[in-house]
Amino acid sequence: MFDLKQYRGKEVEHVRVESILDLLPNDAGEVLEAGCRDGYITLKLADRYKKITALDLHMPLIDHPRVTCVRGDITSLPFTDRSFDLVVCTEVLEHIMPEKLQAACSELMRVCRRYLLIGVPYRQDLRVHATRCVHCGKENPTTGHVNSFDEERLFSLFGNMPFHQADYPGRGVYRTNRWSYGIYKRYGFPYGSYQQEEPCVFCGNRLEKPRPGVAARLICLFAKGLEFIQNKTGPCKSPVWIHVLWDITGQDSLKYQ
């Protein structure tokens, strides 16, 4: 089972969080964190700013005098236009179903008064560690990531506004290939990320690891070996994330609704 507390202590997570903190502006008063999860980033925001609103699909449980917890949906934020000096949304947009993604980005723009900080995985290969749900039979991307982003796609979701700052933290994106992916798909994705906390993105049931036979396991081990060679001998590792800070002062964010 995925251990979030343990993951927070890993070096790769420290690199991601430090990148976010380095991009934070100094002159923000009211701050929204959209998709606060366990409040890890929220508490770091509370060290810098006086008034934080922490929003998630489930009511956040963050006990801090500067933090107000709100239950809500990023595709329909319960706030008036331009309510916040700074809107922070990291490790969220990759989970939004594609048909709702533009609505979510438009809502972030709508409630933002000045600064918008977005963080997503960079050019993620969604085939890596894919799973198959035993309940509905559908293929799931790892950890519920249904979107992959490069600069073109990310910037287009926010009206191609000129950005203020950007950072590309981390190194070491793992990729697969069509042969390994085809083998995994044929045998039910036995090496998928079944320990993840995210359920099936289609039916909502918990993902369960398949139990392939000996022959299937050997064939999938061959596919895993191909991946290993590819990632050891391939081109230089690309960044893991892209973090972008926009200053929308003077921009008409409402036109992106």
Protein backbone atom coordinates (compact mmCIF):
# COMPACT_ATOMS: atom_id res chain seq x y z
CA MET A 1 0.00 0.00 0.00
CA PHE A 2 1.25 3.47 -0.86
CA ASP A 3 2.61 5.35 2.16
CA LEU A 4 2.21 9.10 1.60
CA LYS A 5 4.10 10.04 4.76
CA GLN A 6 7.06 7.94 3.68
CA TYR A 7 6.96 9.44 0.19
CA ARG A 8 7.09 12.96 1.63
CA GLY A 9 10.50 12.11 3.04
CA LYS A 10 12.05 11.10 -0.29
CA GLU A 11 14.62 13.25 -2.04
CA VAL A 12 12.58 13.47 -5.25
CA GLU A 13 9.67 14.95 -3.28
CA HIS A 14 11.97 17.44 -1.56
CA VAL A 15 13.17 18.61 -4.98
CA ARG A 16 9.58 19.10 -6.18
CA VAL A 17 8.48 21.00 -3.09
CA GLU A 18 11.56 23.24 -3.03
CA SER A 19 10.87 24.20 -6.65
CA ILE A 20 7.34 25.27 -5.71
CA LEU A 21 8.55 27.27 -2.71
CA ASP A 22 11.21 29.01 -4.79
CA LEU A 23 8.55 30.24 -7.24
CA LEU A 24 6.22 31.67 -4.60
CA PRO A 25 5.80 35.47 -4.77
CA ASN A 26 6.33 37.57 -1.65
CA ASP A 27 3.49 40.05 -2.16
CA ALA A 28 0.39 37.87 -1.80
CA GLY A 29 -2.24 38.22 0.90
CA GLU A 30 -5.09 35.75 0.39
CA VAL A 31 -4.02 32.38 -0.99
CA LEU A 32 -5.95 29.39 -2.34
CA GLU A 33 -4.45 25.93 -2.58
CA ALA A 34 -6.71 23.97 -4.91
CA GLY A 35 -6.23 20.28 -4.23
CA CYS A 36 -4.44 20.35 -0.87
CA ARG A 37 -4.56 16.59 -0.14
CA ASP A 38 -2.85 16.05 3.26
CA GLY A 39 -1.97 19.72 3.71
CA TYR A 40 1.77 19.27 3.27
CA ILE A 41 2.11 22.24 0.91
CA THR A 42 -0.65 24.12 2.76
CA LEU A 43 1.37 24.31 5.95
CA LYS A 44 4.39 25.60 4.07
CA LEU A 45 2.18 28.28 2.53
CA ALA A 46 0.95 29.16 6.02
CA ASP A 47 4.56 29.86 7.01
CA ARG A 48 4.66 32.63 4.39
CA TYR A 49 1.15 34.01 4.06
CA LYS A 50 -1.47 35.19 6.53
CA LYS A 51 -4.65 33.73 5.04
CA ILE A 52 -4.80 30.34 3.31
CA THR A 53 -7.86 28.58 1.93
CA ALA A 54 -7.24 24.84 1.51
CA LEU A 55 -9.67 23.08 -0.83
CA ASP A 56 -10.09 19.43 -1.72
CA LEU A 57 -12.82 17.01 -2.82
CA HIS A 58 -12.98 15.72 0.75
CA MET A 59 -12.97 18.13 3.67
CA PRO A 60 -9.31 18.80 4.51
CA LEU A 61 -8.24 18.14 8.10
CA ILE A 62 -5.64 20.87 8.59
CA ASP A 63 -5.44 22.47 12.01
CA HIS A 64 -3.72 25.83 11.66
CA PRO A 65 -4.91 29.32 12.65
CA ARG A 66 -4.12 30.74 9.21
CA VAL A 67 -5.83 27.95 7.26
CA THR A 68 -9.52 27.71 6.35
CA CYS A 69 -10.55 24.29 5.06
CA VAL A 70 -13.16 24.00 2.32
CA ARG A 71 -14.67 21.00 0.59
CA GLY A 72 -15.15 21.66 -3.11
CA ASP A 73 -14.64 20.68 -6.73
CA ILE A 74 -11.93 22.37 -8.78
CA THR A 75 -14.23 22.38 -11.83
CA SER A 76 -16.76 24.54 -9.94
CA LEU A 77 -14.97 26.53 -7.26
CA PRO A 78 -17.24 28.00 -4.54
CA PHE A 79 -15.62 31.45 -4.63
CA THR A 80 -16.36 34.77 -6.30
CA ASP A 81 -14.29 36.13 -9.18
CA ARG A 82 -10.75 37.26 -8.34
CA SER A 83 -10.97 36.19 -4.70
CA PHE A 84 -7.29 35.33 -4.20
CA ASP A 85 -3.96 37.08 -4.71
CA LEU A 86 -2.31 33.71 -5.29
CA VAL A 87 -3.79 30.42 -6.51
CA VAL A 88 -1.62 27.32 -6.11
CA CYS A 89 -2.52 24.04 -7.80
CA THR A 90 0.10 21.29 -7.94
CA GLU A 91 -0.18 17.56 -8.63
CA VAL A 92 -3.88 17.95 -9.44
CA LEU A 93 -4.55 18.66 -13.12
CA GLU A 94 -3.11 15.32 -14.24
CA HIS A 95 -5.98 13.66 -12.32
CA ILE A 96 -8.83 15.66 -13.92
CA MET A 97 -10.72 13.76 -16.62
CA PRO A 98 -9.89 15.26 -20.04
CA GLU A 99 -13.43 16.45 -20.71
CA LYS A 100 -13.35 18.51 -17.48
CA LEU A 101 -9.77 19.78 -17.67
CA GLN A 102 -10.47 23.07 -19.42
CA ALA A 103 -13.27 23.84 -16.97
CA ALA A 104 -10.88 23.30 -14.05
CA CYS A 105 -8.24 25.59 -15.54
CA SER A 106 -10.82 28.26 -16.31
CA GLU A 107 -12.02 28.16 -12.70
CA LEU A 108 -8.49 28.62 -11.40
CA MET A 109 -8.15 31.65 -13.65
CA ARG A 110 -11.53 33.03 -12.60
CA VAL A 111 -10.80 33.14 -8.87
CA CYS A 112 -7.23 34.40 -9.32
CA ARG A 113 -6.54 38.09 -8.74
CA ARG A 114 -2.84 38.14 -9.55
CA TYR A 115 -0.56 35.09 -9.26
CA LEU A 116 -1.26 31.58 -10.52
CA LEU A 117 1.18 28.74 -9.75
CA ILE A 118 0.63 25.42 -11.53
CA GLY A 119 2.64 22.22 -11.17
CA VAL A 120 2.19 19.01 -13.19
CA PRO A 121 4.31 16.04 -14.28
CA TYR A 122 6.28 16.86 -17.44
CA ARG A 123 5.81 14.73 -20.56
CA GLN A 124 4.80 11.72 -18.51
CA ASP A 125 4.52 8.42 -20.39
CA LEU A 126 1.08 7.33 -19.19
CA ARG A 127 1.71 3.76 -20.36
CA VAL A 128 4.35 3.20 -17.67
CA HIS A 129 3.03 1.15 -14.73
CA ALA A 130 -0.48 1.05 -16.21
CA THR A 131 -2.99 -1.25 -14.52
CA ARG A 132 -6.14 -3.12 -15.47
CA CYS A 133 -9.21 -3.07 -13.26
CA VAL A 134 -10.56 -6.57 -12.54
CA HIS A 135 -14.01 -5.10 -11.92
CA CYS A 136 -14.66 -3.15 -15.14
CA GLY A 137 -11.81 -4.52 -17.28
CA LYS A 138 -10.53 -1.10 -18.31
CA GLU A 139 -6.92 0.00 -18.54
CA ASN A 140 -5.90 2.62 -15.99
CA PRO A 141 -2.93 4.98 -16.20
CA THR A 142 -0.65 4.91 -13.18
CA THR A 143 -1.81 6.69 -10.00
CA GLY A 144 -4.89 8.06 -11.75
CA HIS A 145 -2.92 10.33 -14.08
CA VAL A 146 -5.20 10.72 -17.10
CA ASN A 147 -3.37 13.70 -18.64
CA SER A 148 0.18 14.23 -19.84
CA PHE A 149 1.56 17.75 -20.25
CA ASP A 150 4.19 19.54 -22.25
CA GLU A 151 4.54 23.30 -22.56
CA GLU A 152 2.17 23.58 -25.52
CA ARG A 153 -0.69 21.75 -23.85
CA LEU A 154 -0.27 23.36 -20.45
CA PHE A 155 0.00 26.92 -21.73
CA SER A 156 -2.96 26.48 -24.09
CA LEU A 157 -5.19 25.58 -21.13
CA PHE A 158 -4.45 29.01 -19.66
CA GLY A 159 -4.97 31.05 -22.80
CA ASN A 160 -1.29 31.03 -23.85
CA MET A 161 -0.59 33.91 -21.49
CA PRO A 162 3.06 34.91 -21.13
CA PHE A 163 4.40 33.25 -17.99
CA HIS A 164 6.35 35.02 -15.25
CA GLN A 165 8.65 32.16 -14.20
CA ALA A 166 9.03 28.44 -14.91
CA ASP A 167 11.06 25.61 -13.43
CA TYR A 168 11.68 22.00 -14.42
CA PRO A 169 12.62 20.10 -11.25
CA GLY A 170 13.74 16.50 -11.04
CA ARG A 171 15.48 14.22 -13.48
CA GLY A 172 14.65 10.68 -14.47
CA VAL A 173 11.32 10.21 -16.24
CA TYR A 174 10.85 6.49 -16.89
CA ARG A 175 9.49 5.49 -20.29
CA THR A 176 8.28 2.30 -21.90
CA ASN A 177 8.13 1.16 -25.53
CA ARG A 178 5.45 -0.28 -27.78
CA TRP A 179 6.78 -3.85 -27.49
CA SER A 180 6.92 -3.91 -23.69
CA TYR A 181 3.60 -2.08 -23.45
CA GLY A 182 1.98 -4.54 -25.87
CA ILE A 183 3.18 -7.51 -23.82
CA TYR A 184 1.98 -5.99 -20.56
CA LYS A 185 -1.41 -5.24 -22.10
CA ARG A 186 -1.73 -8.79 -23.42
CA TYR A 187 -1.10 -10.25 -19.96
CA GLY A 188 -3.07 -7.80 -17.82
CA PHE A 189 -0.38 -5.33 -16.74
CA PRO A 190 1.17 -7.46 -13.95
CA TYR A 191 3.78 -4.78 -13.15
CA GLY A 192 1.30 -1.94 -12.78
CA SER A 193 1.13 0.41 -9.79
CA TYR A 194 -1.45 -1.64 -7.89
CA GLN A 195 -0.16 -0.39 -4.53
CA GLN A 196 -1.45 3.11 -5.33
CA GLU A 197 -4.19 4.70 -3.22
CA GLU A 198 -6.13 5.95 -6.26
CA PRO A 199 -9.01 3.67 -7.35
CA CYS A 200 -10.01 2.82 -10.92
CA VAL A 201 -10.68 6.11 -12.72
CA PHE A 202 -13.63 4.54 -14.55
CA CYS A 203 -15.60 2.52 -11.97
CA GLY A 204 -14.12 3.71 -8.67
CA ASN A 205 -13.25 0.26 -7.35
CA ARG A 206 -9.95 -0.57 -5.72
CA LEU A 207 -7.35 -1.91 -8.13
CA GLU A 208 -6.26 -5.50 -7.51
CA LYS A 209 -3.01 -7.03 -8.72
CA PRO A 210 -3.46 -9.87 -11.23
CA ARG A 211 -1.88 -13.30 -10.78
CA PRO A 212 -0.53 -14.40 -14.15
CA GLY A 213 0.82 -17.90 -14.76
CA VAL A 214 4.50 -18.81 -14.94
CA ALA A 215 4.73 -18.40 -18.72
CA ALA A 216 3.07 -14.98 -18.62
CA ARG A 217 5.39 -13.83 -15.83
CA LEU A 218 8.47 -14.87 -17.81
CA ILE A 219 7.26 -13.05 -20.93
CA CYS A 220 6.54 -9.93 -18.89
CA LEU A 221 9.99 -10.14 -17.31
CA PHE A 222 11.42 -10.01 -20.83
CA ALA A 223 9.34 -6.88 -21.49
CA LYS A 224 10.60 -5.37 -18.25
CA GLY A 225 14.17 -6.09 -19.34
CA LEU A 226 13.57 -4.22 -22.61
CA GLU A 227 12.37 -1.22 -20.61
CA PHE A 228 15.41 -1.37 -18.36
CA ILE A 229 17.83 -1.38 -21.30
CA GLN A 230 15.90 1.43 -23.01
CA ASN A 231 16.02 3.67 -19.96
CA LYS A 232 19.68 2.93 -19.17
CA THR A 233 20.99 3.47 -22.69
CA GLY A 234 18.52 6.05 -24.01
CA PRO A 235 18.88 9.84 -24.17
CA CYS A 236 19.45 12.01 -21.11
CA LYS A 237 16.70 11.90 -18.54
CA SER A 238 14.09 14.62 -18.93
CA PRO A 239 12.63 16.68 -16.06
CA VAL A 240 9.99 15.06 -13.88
CA TRP A 241 7.80 18.15 -13.42
CA ILE A 242 7.01 21.53 -14.92
CA HIS A 243 6.12 24.37 -12.54
CA VAL A 244 4.85 27.65 -13.97
CA LEU A 245 4.06 30.96 -12.28
CA TRP A 246 1.85 33.47 -14.08
CA ASP A 247 1.29 37.09 -13.06
CA ILE A 248 -2.12 37.87 -14.54
CA THR A 249 -2.26 41.49 -13.40
CA GLY A 250 -4.04 43.46 -16.11
CA GLN A 251 -5.19 40.31 -17.93
CA ASP A 252 -8.84 39.52 -18.44
CA SER A 253 -8.95 36.10 -16.80
CA LEU A 254 -12.75 35.94 -17.17
CA LYS A 255 -12.47 35.44 -20.92
CA TYR A 256 -11.19 31.91 -20.29
CA GLN A 257 -14.38 30.72 -18.66
